Each structure stands twice: as C-alpha cells, then as structure tokens.
C-alpha cells in the first residue's frame, strides 16, 4: 500500500503567507490607483486650446461650484484668476437667468501659448405663461494666455484672460 505524503509542517505558515499577500494586494492596488488618479486630477491639459476650453467649462458650469477650475489655472496667478472668475460668476448670477457659455473659432494666436475664441452667452428664462425664452448674445473675442507648467501637476494652464467686460458687452448690469 502506498502511503499518502504528509503535508509539510510548514503548511500553516505557507497558508498565512498566501493570505497576507492576497490581503496586501487587495489594499495596495486600490490605494496605488487612488494615488495615481489624485496626481492626475491636478494635471493641466495637453495643449493650449484644451486648457482654455477646460477653464471655460469649469468656470461657467451651470451650477458654478468651480469644481475642477483650479487644475486649469497657473500656479503663479491662481488666486488672482479665481477672484476674477468669482466676480464674473457673480455678474452672471445677478441677471437671474440661466446662462450657457458657448465658444467657437478656436485658434492659436502665437507659438507662445496664446489662444483666442469667439465667446457668446446664451440666456434662457421662462416667461409668465411657462414658455421658455432663449436669447443668444453676440460673440466677442476672448484671449487666453496659457503656459506649460512642469512637475507632477504640469501641463498647459491658463495664466491670463483678456476678455471684454461682461457688463455692457455680454450683459446689462
């Protein structure tokens, strides 16, 4: 009769090691993924036009919470640009209408990261009978000075916005 081989005495140790490796993998992989995604969340855009467009989308989102706007702004002027954006939002909110910012005709003005686009505002409101009213403003050229930043949160970011004043150009104040 052939005897069954005995399990080595180190079987419980091997089982504990395997369990520890699996448990470590279950924790380390999601943690590593979270670290990578967090680092990428602050990263700028791939080119100047994408940076300016991302700024517009973040700055004039319908609910205006500014989610994601900081990743679009140069580190050196972040506070100034956040304040400028806050003032523009306040002017738009004061109209009491729903506003959508539209952009068209994007072009790179120079090789230094300056881009321009025609920006116009689309206003909507509901009249007393419940019908929606849509008004489209005239487009005006906005210029965005962008810069490619280095580092973990590098990429193209907006450093300056040359736009006509909202009051008197796009809206009545």
N, C-alpha and C. Protein backbone atom coordinates (compact mmCIF):
# COMPACT_ATOMS: atom_id res chain seq x y z
N UNK A 1 0.83 -1.16 0.00
CA UNK A 1 0.00 0.00 0.00
C UNK A 1 0.88 1.24 0.00
N UNK A 2 0.44 2.22 -0.78
CA UNK A 2 1.22 3.45 -0.90
C UNK A 2 0.68 4.45 0.11
N UNK A 3 1.58 4.97 0.87
CA UNK A 3 1.18 5.94 1.89
C UNK A 3 1.05 7.31 1.25
N UNK A 4 0.01 8.02 1.68
CA UNK A 4 -0.16 9.40 1.19
C UNK A 4 0.93 10.27 1.78
N UNK A 5 1.47 11.15 0.96
CA UNK A 5 2.51 12.03 1.51
C UNK A 5 1.90 12.95 2.56
N UNK A 6 2.61 13.15 3.60
CA UNK A 6 2.16 14.05 4.66
C UNK A 6 2.39 15.50 4.23
N UNK A 7 1.49 16.32 4.61
CA UNK A 7 1.69 17.74 4.35
C UNK A 7 2.84 18.23 5.21
N UNK A 8 3.68 19.05 4.64
CA UNK A 8 4.79 19.53 5.46
C UNK A 8 4.26 20.33 6.65
N UNK A 9 5.06 20.34 7.66
CA UNK A 9 4.64 21.07 8.87
C UNK A 9 4.50 22.56 8.62
N UNK A 10 5.12 23.06 7.58
CA UNK A 10 5.07 24.49 7.32
C UNK A 10 3.80 24.89 6.56
N UNK A 11 2.86 23.97 6.36
CA UNK A 11 1.63 24.29 5.64
C UNK A 11 0.88 25.48 6.26
N UNK A 12 0.70 25.56 7.56
CA UNK A 12 0.03 26.74 8.13
C UNK A 12 0.80 28.03 7.85
N UNK A 13 2.12 27.93 7.84
CA UNK A 13 2.93 29.12 7.57
C UNK A 13 2.73 29.55 6.12
N UNK A 14 2.73 28.59 5.20
CA UNK A 14 2.52 28.91 3.78
C UNK A 14 1.13 29.52 3.57
N UNK A 15 0.15 28.96 4.21
CA UNK A 15 -1.20 29.49 4.10
C UNK A 15 -1.28 30.93 4.63
N UNK A 16 -0.62 31.21 5.71
CA UNK A 16 -0.60 32.56 6.28
C UNK A 16 0.10 33.53 5.34
N UNK A 17 1.17 33.09 4.71
CA UNK A 17 1.90 33.96 3.76
C UNK A 17 1.03 34.26 2.55
N UNK A 18 0.37 33.24 2.02
CA UNK A 18 -0.52 33.44 0.87
C UNK A 18 -1.65 34.41 1.24
N UNK A 19 -2.25 34.23 2.38
CA UNK A 19 -3.31 35.12 2.83
C UNK A 19 -2.80 36.56 2.97
N UNK A 20 -1.62 36.73 3.52
CA UNK A 20 -1.05 38.07 3.70
C UNK A 20 -0.78 38.73 2.35
N UNK A 21 -0.30 37.97 1.37
CA UNK A 21 -0.04 38.53 0.04
C UNK A 21 -1.34 38.95 -0.64
N UNK A 22 -2.36 38.10 -0.54
CA UNK A 22 -3.65 38.44 -1.15
C UNK A 22 -4.25 39.67 -0.47
N UNK A 23 -4.21 39.72 0.84
CA UNK A 23 -4.75 40.86 1.57
C UNK A 23 -4.00 42.14 1.25
N UNK A 24 -2.68 42.04 1.15
CA UNK A 24 -1.87 43.22 0.80
C UNK A 24 -2.22 43.71 -0.60
N UNK A 25 -2.37 42.78 -1.53
CA UNK A 25 -2.74 43.15 -2.90
C UNK A 25 -4.10 43.81 -2.96
N UNK A 26 -5.03 43.33 -2.16
CA UNK A 26 -6.38 43.91 -2.15
C UNK A 26 -6.39 45.33 -1.61
N UNK A 27 -5.45 45.67 -0.77
CA UNK A 27 -5.36 47.02 -0.21
C UNK A 27 -4.42 47.89 -1.05
N UNK A 28 -3.29 47.34 -1.46
CA UNK A 28 -2.26 48.13 -2.13
C UNK A 28 -2.68 48.57 -3.53
N UNK A 29 -3.35 47.70 -4.28
CA UNK A 29 -3.73 48.05 -5.64
C UNK A 29 -4.72 49.23 -5.66
N UNK A 30 -5.81 49.18 -4.90
CA UNK A 30 -6.70 50.35 -4.90
C UNK A 30 -6.04 51.61 -4.33
N UNK A 31 -5.21 51.45 -3.33
CA UNK A 31 -4.52 52.61 -2.76
C UNK A 31 -3.58 53.23 -3.79
N UNK A 32 -2.85 52.40 -4.51
CA UNK A 32 -1.96 52.91 -5.55
C UNK A 32 -2.73 53.59 -6.66
N UNK A 33 -3.87 53.00 -7.05
CA UNK A 33 -4.70 53.59 -8.07
C UNK A 33 -5.21 54.96 -7.62
N UNK A 34 -5.61 55.07 -6.35
CA UNK A 34 -6.10 56.35 -5.83
C UNK A 34 -5.01 57.40 -5.84
N UNK A 35 -3.79 57.03 -5.51
CA UNK A 35 -2.68 57.98 -5.53
C UNK A 35 -2.43 58.47 -6.95
N UNK A 36 -2.43 57.57 -7.92
CA UNK A 36 -2.19 57.96 -9.32
C UNK A 36 -3.31 58.87 -9.82
N UNK A 37 -4.55 58.52 -9.55
CA UNK A 37 -5.68 59.34 -10.00
C UNK A 37 -5.70 60.71 -9.33
N UNK A 38 -5.30 60.78 -8.08
CA UNK A 38 -5.23 62.07 -7.39
C UNK A 38 -4.17 62.96 -8.03
N UNK A 39 -3.04 62.38 -8.36
CA UNK A 39 -1.98 63.15 -9.02
C UNK A 39 -2.42 63.62 -10.39
N UNK A 40 -3.17 62.79 -11.12
CA UNK A 40 -3.63 63.17 -12.45
C UNK A 40 -4.74 64.20 -12.40
N UNK A 41 -5.49 64.27 -11.31
CA UNK A 41 -6.61 65.20 -11.21
C UNK A 41 -6.16 66.65 -11.28
N UNK A 42 -4.97 66.95 -10.79
CA UNK A 42 -4.46 68.31 -10.83
C UNK A 42 -3.66 68.63 -12.07
N UNK A 43 -3.53 67.68 -12.94
CA UNK A 43 -2.70 67.84 -14.13
C UNK A 43 -3.38 68.77 -15.13
N UNK A 44 -2.58 69.60 -15.79
CA UNK A 44 -3.10 70.51 -16.80
C UNK A 44 -3.49 69.76 -18.06
N UNK A 45 -3.78 70.53 -19.10
CA UNK A 45 -4.26 69.95 -20.36
C UNK A 45 -3.11 69.68 -21.33
N UNK A 46 -3.42 68.97 -22.41
CA UNK A 46 -2.42 68.54 -23.38
C UNK A 46 -1.97 69.65 -24.32
N UNK A 47 -2.81 70.67 -24.53
CA UNK A 47 -2.42 71.78 -25.41
C UNK A 47 -3.12 73.06 -24.96
N UNK A 48 -2.69 74.21 -25.47
CA UNK A 48 -3.25 75.50 -25.01
C UNK A 48 -4.75 75.65 -25.23
N UNK A 49 -5.25 75.20 -26.37
CA UNK A 49 -6.68 75.34 -26.65
C UNK A 49 -7.49 74.49 -25.66
N UNK A 50 -7.02 73.29 -25.39
CA UNK A 50 -7.72 72.43 -24.42
C UNK A 50 -7.72 73.07 -23.03
N UNK A 51 -6.63 73.74 -22.66
CA UNK A 51 -6.55 74.39 -21.35
C UNK A 51 -7.58 75.52 -21.25
N UNK A 52 -7.67 76.36 -22.29
CA UNK A 52 -8.61 77.47 -22.27
C UNK A 52 -10.06 76.96 -22.29
N UNK A 53 -10.32 75.94 -23.07
CA UNK A 53 -11.67 75.38 -23.13
C UNK A 53 -12.05 74.73 -21.80
N UNK A 54 -11.11 74.03 -21.17
CA UNK A 54 -11.37 73.43 -19.85
C UNK A 54 -11.67 74.52 -18.82
N UNK A 55 -10.96 75.65 -18.91
CA UNK A 55 -11.23 76.77 -18.00
C UNK A 55 -12.67 77.25 -18.17
N UNK A 56 -13.08 77.48 -19.42
CA UNK A 56 -14.45 77.95 -19.66
C UNK A 56 -15.49 76.98 -19.12
N UNK A 57 -15.28 75.70 -19.38
CA UNK A 57 -16.23 74.69 -18.91
C UNK A 57 -16.31 74.67 -17.39
N UNK A 58 -15.17 74.77 -16.73
CA UNK A 58 -15.15 74.74 -15.27
C UNK A 58 -15.65 76.05 -14.67
N UNK A 59 -15.28 77.16 -15.26
CA UNK A 59 -15.63 78.47 -14.69
C UNK A 59 -17.11 78.79 -14.83
N UNK A 60 -17.70 78.37 -15.93
CA UNK A 60 -19.09 78.74 -16.18
C UNK A 60 -20.01 77.53 -16.22
N UNK A 61 -19.69 76.54 -15.40
CA UNK A 61 -20.57 75.38 -15.28
C UNK A 61 -21.92 75.86 -14.77
N UNK A 62 -22.97 75.16 -15.15
CA UNK A 62 -24.33 75.61 -14.82
C UNK A 62 -24.53 75.87 -13.34
N UNK A 63 -23.95 75.04 -12.51
CA UNK A 63 -24.14 75.23 -11.07
C UNK A 63 -23.01 76.02 -10.44
N UNK A 64 -21.98 76.35 -11.20
CA UNK A 64 -20.97 77.28 -10.77
C UNK A 64 -20.23 76.96 -9.49
N UNK A 65 -20.03 75.69 -9.18
CA UNK A 65 -19.30 75.38 -7.97
C UNK A 65 -17.79 75.45 -8.18
N UNK A 66 -17.36 75.60 -9.42
CA UNK A 66 -15.94 75.74 -9.69
C UNK A 66 -15.16 74.45 -9.60
N UNK A 67 -15.88 73.34 -9.55
CA UNK A 67 -15.20 72.05 -9.45
C UNK A 67 -14.25 71.88 -10.62
N UNK A 68 -13.01 71.67 -10.33
CA UNK A 68 -12.02 71.44 -11.37
C UNK A 68 -11.37 72.68 -11.94
N UNK A 69 -11.78 73.85 -11.50
CA UNK A 69 -11.21 75.07 -12.10
C UNK A 69 -9.75 75.27 -11.69
N UNK A 70 -9.39 74.88 -10.48
CA UNK A 70 -8.02 75.12 -10.02
C UNK A 70 -6.99 74.38 -10.86
N UNK A 71 -7.35 73.24 -11.40
CA UNK A 71 -6.40 72.49 -12.22
C UNK A 71 -6.13 73.19 -13.55
N UNK A 72 -6.99 74.13 -13.93
CA UNK A 72 -6.85 74.85 -15.20
C UNK A 72 -5.99 76.10 -15.07
N UNK A 73 -5.65 76.50 -13.85
CA UNK A 73 -5.00 77.80 -13.62
C UNK A 73 -3.52 77.66 -13.29
N UNK A 74 -2.73 78.61 -13.79
CA UNK A 74 -1.30 78.66 -13.48
C UNK A 74 -1.10 78.80 -11.97
N UNK A 75 -0.10 78.15 -11.48
CA UNK A 75 0.20 78.23 -10.04
C UNK A 75 0.51 79.66 -9.61
N UNK A 76 1.23 80.40 -10.46
CA UNK A 76 1.68 81.74 -10.08
C UNK A 76 0.54 82.75 -9.97
N UNK A 77 -0.58 82.54 -10.67
CA UNK A 77 -1.68 83.51 -10.65
C UNK A 77 -3.01 82.91 -10.21
N UNK A 78 -2.95 81.77 -9.56
CA UNK A 78 -4.17 81.04 -9.21
C UNK A 78 -5.15 81.90 -8.40
N UNK A 79 -4.69 82.56 -7.37
CA UNK A 79 -5.59 83.35 -6.51
C UNK A 79 -6.23 84.50 -7.27
N UNK A 80 -5.44 85.21 -8.10
CA UNK A 80 -5.99 86.33 -8.87
C UNK A 80 -7.05 85.85 -9.87
N UNK A 81 -6.76 84.75 -10.55
CA UNK A 81 -7.70 84.23 -11.54
C UNK A 81 -8.97 83.67 -10.88
N UNK A 82 -8.84 83.06 -9.72
CA UNK A 82 -10.02 82.59 -9.01
C UNK A 82 -10.92 83.76 -8.61
N UNK A 83 -10.31 84.84 -8.16
CA UNK A 83 -11.08 86.03 -7.79
C UNK A 83 -11.75 86.64 -9.02
N UNK A 84 -11.04 86.73 -10.13
CA UNK A 84 -11.60 87.27 -11.37
C UNK A 84 -12.79 86.42 -11.84
N UNK A 85 -12.65 85.12 -11.76
CA UNK A 85 -13.72 84.21 -12.16
C UNK A 85 -14.92 84.35 -11.23
N UNK A 86 -14.66 84.48 -9.93
CA UNK A 86 -15.75 84.66 -8.97
C UNK A 86 -16.55 85.92 -9.28
N UNK A 87 -15.86 87.02 -9.63
CA UNK A 87 -16.55 88.28 -9.98
C UNK A 87 -17.41 88.10 -11.23
N UNK A 88 -16.88 87.41 -12.24
CA UNK A 88 -17.66 87.18 -13.46
C UNK A 88 -18.91 86.35 -13.16
N UNK A 89 -18.76 85.34 -12.34
CA UNK A 89 -19.91 84.50 -11.99
C UNK A 89 -20.97 85.31 -11.26
N UNK A 90 -20.54 86.17 -10.34
CA UNK A 90 -21.49 87.00 -9.60
C UNK A 90 -22.29 87.89 -10.55
N UNK A 91 -21.62 88.46 -11.55
CA UNK A 91 -22.31 89.30 -12.53
C UNK A 91 -23.35 88.48 -13.31
N UNK A 92 -22.98 87.26 -13.67
CA UNK A 92 -23.91 86.42 -14.43
C UNK A 92 -25.10 85.98 -13.58
N UNK A 93 -24.84 85.63 -12.34
CA UNK A 93 -25.92 85.19 -11.44
C UNK A 93 -26.89 86.35 -11.18
N UNK A 94 -26.37 87.57 -11.13
CA UNK A 94 -27.22 88.74 -10.85
C UNK A 94 -28.25 88.97 -11.95
N UNK A 95 -28.06 88.43 -13.13
CA UNK A 95 -29.05 88.61 -14.20
C UNK A 95 -30.32 87.83 -13.91
N UNK A 96 -30.23 86.80 -13.07
CA UNK A 96 -31.40 85.99 -12.74
C UNK A 96 -31.82 85.03 -13.83
N UNK A 97 -30.99 84.87 -14.83
CA UNK A 97 -31.31 83.97 -15.93
C UNK A 97 -30.34 82.80 -15.96
N UNK A 98 -30.79 81.75 -16.59
CA UNK A 98 -29.89 80.62 -16.82
C UNK A 98 -28.99 81.00 -18.00
N UNK A 99 -27.70 80.77 -17.85
CA UNK A 99 -26.75 81.20 -18.87
C UNK A 99 -25.86 80.04 -19.28
N UNK A 100 -25.68 79.93 -20.58
CA UNK A 100 -24.76 78.93 -21.12
C UNK A 100 -23.69 79.67 -21.91
N UNK A 101 -22.44 79.35 -21.66
CA UNK A 101 -21.33 79.97 -22.38
C UNK A 101 -20.98 79.08 -23.56
N UNK A 102 -20.93 79.67 -24.73
CA UNK A 102 -20.59 78.93 -25.95
C UNK A 102 -19.31 79.50 -26.55
N UNK A 103 -18.50 78.63 -27.10
CA UNK A 103 -17.26 79.07 -27.72
C UNK A 103 -17.15 78.48 -29.12
N UNK A 104 -16.49 79.23 -29.99
CA UNK A 104 -16.29 78.78 -31.37
C UNK A 104 -15.04 79.44 -31.94
N UNK A 105 -14.61 78.95 -33.06
CA UNK A 105 -13.48 79.53 -33.80
C UNK A 105 -12.20 79.61 -32.96
N UNK A 106 -11.87 78.50 -32.31
CA UNK A 106 -10.64 78.45 -31.51
C UNK A 106 -9.43 78.50 -32.43
N UNK A 107 -8.44 79.31 -32.07
CA UNK A 107 -7.20 79.33 -32.84
C UNK A 107 -6.04 79.73 -31.94
N UNK A 108 -4.89 79.20 -32.30
CA UNK A 108 -3.68 79.55 -31.56
C UNK A 108 -3.12 80.81 -32.21
N UNK A 109 -2.96 81.87 -31.40
CA UNK A 109 -2.54 83.17 -31.92
C UNK A 109 -1.04 83.19 -32.17
N UNK A 110 -0.27 82.61 -31.27
CA UNK A 110 1.18 82.58 -31.44
C UNK A 110 1.72 81.27 -30.89
N UNK A 111 3.00 81.06 -31.05
CA UNK A 111 3.62 79.84 -30.57
C UNK A 111 3.92 79.87 -29.09
N UNK A 112 3.55 80.98 -28.44
CA UNK A 112 3.86 81.17 -27.02
C UNK A 112 2.72 80.72 -26.10
N UNK A 113 1.67 80.15 -26.66
CA UNK A 113 0.58 79.66 -25.83
C UNK A 113 -0.63 80.56 -25.75
N UNK A 114 -0.71 81.61 -26.54
CA UNK A 114 -1.89 82.48 -26.55
C UNK A 114 -2.89 81.93 -27.55
N UNK A 115 -4.12 81.74 -27.08
CA UNK A 115 -5.20 81.25 -27.94
C UNK A 115 -6.37 82.20 -27.85
N UNK A 116 -7.22 82.19 -28.88
CA UNK A 116 -8.40 83.04 -28.85
C UNK A 116 -9.61 82.24 -29.34
N UNK A 117 -10.77 82.75 -28.98
CA UNK A 117 -12.03 82.14 -29.40
C UNK A 117 -13.13 83.18 -29.36
N UNK A 118 -14.17 82.96 -30.15
CA UNK A 118 -15.37 83.78 -30.07
C UNK A 118 -16.24 83.19 -28.96
N UNK A 119 -16.55 84.01 -27.97
CA UNK A 119 -17.36 83.57 -26.84
C UNK A 119 -18.68 84.33 -26.89
N UNK A 120 -19.78 83.59 -26.79
CA UNK A 120 -21.06 84.26 -26.65
C UNK A 120 -21.87 83.56 -25.57
N UNK A 121 -22.82 84.30 -25.04
CA UNK A 121 -23.64 83.79 -23.96
C UNK A 121 -25.05 83.53 -24.48
N UNK A 122 -25.61 82.41 -24.08
CA UNK A 122 -26.98 82.05 -24.43
C UNK A 122 -27.79 82.12 -23.13
N UNK A 123 -28.77 83.00 -23.12
CA UNK A 123 -29.61 83.20 -21.94
C UNK A 123 -30.94 82.46 -22.13
N UNK A 124 -31.45 81.93 -21.05
CA UNK A 124 -32.78 81.32 -21.11
C UNK A 124 -33.53 81.64 -19.83
N UNK A 125 -34.82 81.80 -20.00
CA UNK A 125 -35.70 82.02 -18.85
C UNK A 125 -37.09 81.55 -19.23
N UNK A 126 -37.95 81.45 -18.27
CA UNK A 126 -39.32 81.01 -18.50
C UNK A 126 -40.22 82.21 -18.29
N UNK A 127 -41.06 82.52 -19.30
CA UNK A 127 -41.95 83.68 -19.16
C UNK A 127 -43.15 83.31 -18.27
N UNK A 128 -44.04 84.27 -18.05
CA UNK A 128 -45.14 84.08 -17.12
C UNK A 128 -46.12 83.00 -17.57
N UNK A 129 -46.16 82.72 -18.89
CA UNK A 129 -47.07 81.68 -19.38
C UNK A 129 -46.42 80.29 -19.34
N UNK A 130 -45.15 80.23 -18.91
CA UNK A 130 -44.47 78.95 -18.80
C UNK A 130 -43.67 78.55 -20.02
N UNK A 131 -43.60 79.43 -21.02
CA UNK A 131 -42.83 79.12 -22.23
C UNK A 131 -41.38 79.55 -22.03
N UNK A 132 -40.45 78.75 -22.54
CA UNK A 132 -39.04 79.15 -22.44
C UNK A 132 -38.71 80.23 -23.47
N UNK A 133 -37.87 81.15 -23.06
CA UNK A 133 -37.38 82.20 -23.95
C UNK A 133 -35.87 82.05 -24.02
N UNK A 134 -35.34 82.01 -25.23
CA UNK A 134 -33.90 81.89 -25.44
C UNK A 134 -33.39 83.13 -26.15
N UNK A 135 -32.32 83.69 -25.65
CA UNK A 135 -31.69 84.85 -26.26
C UNK A 135 -30.21 84.53 -26.43
N UNK A 136 -29.71 84.73 -27.65
CA UNK A 136 -28.30 84.47 -27.92
C UNK A 136 -27.60 85.81 -28.11
N UNK A 137 -26.56 86.04 -27.33
CA UNK A 137 -25.81 87.28 -27.44
C UNK A 137 -24.85 87.25 -28.62
N UNK A 138 -24.26 88.39 -28.87
CA UNK A 138 -23.27 88.50 -29.95
C UNK A 138 -21.93 87.97 -29.43
N UNK A 139 -21.22 87.24 -30.28
CA UNK A 139 -19.92 86.70 -29.88
C UNK A 139 -18.84 87.77 -29.84
N UNK A 140 -17.96 87.67 -28.87
CA UNK A 140 -16.83 88.58 -28.73
C UNK A 140 -15.57 87.75 -28.55
N UNK A 141 -14.45 88.29 -29.02
CA UNK A 141 -13.20 87.55 -28.93
C UNK A 141 -12.62 87.63 -27.51
N UNK A 142 -12.27 86.49 -26.99
CA UNK A 142 -11.56 86.38 -25.73
C UNK A 142 -10.20 85.77 -26.05
N UNK A 143 -9.18 86.24 -25.35
CA UNK A 143 -7.84 85.66 -25.49
C UNK A 143 -7.41 85.06 -24.16
N UNK A 144 -6.75 83.93 -24.27
CA UNK A 144 -6.27 83.22 -23.09
C UNK A 144 -4.77 83.02 -23.23
N UNK A 145 -4.03 83.54 -22.28
CA UNK A 145 -2.58 83.33 -22.24
C UNK A 145 -2.35 82.06 -21.42
N UNK A 146 -1.75 81.07 -22.04
CA UNK A 146 -1.50 79.80 -21.35
C UNK A 146 -0.01 79.55 -21.24
N UNK A 147 0.33 78.66 -20.34
CA UNK A 147 1.73 78.32 -20.11
C UNK A 147 1.80 76.83 -19.80
N UNK A 148 2.87 76.20 -20.29
CA UNK A 148 3.07 74.80 -19.98
C UNK A 148 3.90 74.70 -18.71
N UNK A 149 3.28 74.16 -17.67
CA UNK A 149 3.98 74.01 -16.40
C UNK A 149 4.57 72.61 -16.29
N UNK A 150 5.62 72.51 -15.52
CA UNK A 150 6.32 71.24 -15.33
C UNK A 150 5.92 70.62 -14.00
N UNK A 151 6.34 69.42 -13.78
CA UNK A 151 6.10 68.77 -12.49
C UNK A 151 4.96 67.78 -12.55
N UNK A 152 4.62 67.25 -11.40
CA UNK A 152 3.60 66.21 -11.33
C UNK A 152 2.23 66.72 -11.76
N UNK A 153 1.94 68.00 -11.52
CA UNK A 153 0.66 68.55 -11.96
C UNK A 153 0.85 69.50 -13.13
N UNK A 154 1.85 69.21 -13.96
CA UNK A 154 2.16 70.05 -15.12
C UNK A 154 1.12 69.95 -16.21
N UNK A 155 1.44 70.50 -17.34
CA UNK A 155 0.52 70.56 -18.48
C UNK A 155 0.20 72.02 -18.77
N UNK A 156 -0.60 72.24 -19.80
CA UNK A 156 -0.97 73.61 -20.17
C UNK A 156 -2.04 74.14 -19.23
N UNK A 157 -1.82 75.39 -18.77
CA UNK A 157 -2.75 76.02 -17.84
C UNK A 157 -2.94 77.49 -18.22
N UNK A 158 -4.09 78.04 -17.87
CA UNK A 158 -4.42 79.44 -18.17
C UNK A 158 -3.76 80.35 -17.15
N UNK A 159 -3.05 81.39 -17.66
CA UNK A 159 -2.38 82.36 -16.79
C UNK A 159 -3.00 83.75 -16.86
N UNK A 160 -3.69 84.06 -17.94
CA UNK A 160 -4.30 85.39 -18.08
C UNK A 160 -5.48 85.28 -19.05
N UNK A 161 -6.50 86.06 -18.78
CA UNK A 161 -7.68 86.09 -19.65
C UNK A 161 -7.89 87.54 -20.08
N UNK A 162 -7.84 87.77 -21.37
CA UNK A 162 -8.13 89.09 -21.92
C UNK A 162 -9.51 89.01 -22.57
N UNK A 163 -10.51 89.52 -21.85
CA UNK A 163 -11.89 89.44 -22.30
C UNK A 163 -12.54 90.80 -22.11
N UNK A 164 -13.49 91.11 -22.97
CA UNK A 164 -14.23 92.36 -22.75
C UNK A 164 -15.03 92.23 -21.45
N UNK A 165 -15.31 93.35 -20.80
CA UNK A 165 -16.09 93.27 -19.56
C UNK A 165 -17.46 92.67 -19.83
N UNK A 166 -17.94 91.85 -18.93
CA UNK A 166 -19.26 91.24 -19.11
C UNK A 166 -20.34 92.31 -19.12
N UNK A 167 -20.27 93.25 -18.17
CA UNK A 167 -21.25 94.33 -18.07
C UNK A 167 -21.08 95.28 -19.26
N UNK A 168 -22.13 95.45 -20.01
CA UNK A 168 -22.09 96.35 -21.15
C UNK A 168 -21.71 95.64 -22.44
N UNK A 169 -21.10 94.49 -22.39
CA UNK A 169 -20.72 93.77 -23.60
C UNK A 169 -21.63 92.56 -23.78
N UNK A 170 -21.65 91.69 -22.79
CA UNK A 170 -22.47 90.48 -22.86
C UNK A 170 -23.79 90.62 -22.10
N UNK A 171 -23.79 91.39 -21.01
CA UNK A 171 -24.98 91.52 -20.18
C UNK A 171 -25.18 92.98 -19.77
N UNK A 172 -26.41 93.30 -19.37
CA UNK A 172 -26.69 94.63 -18.81
C UNK A 172 -26.57 94.53 -17.31
N UNK A 173 -25.85 95.47 -16.73
CA UNK A 173 -25.66 95.46 -15.27
C UNK A 173 -26.31 96.67 -14.64
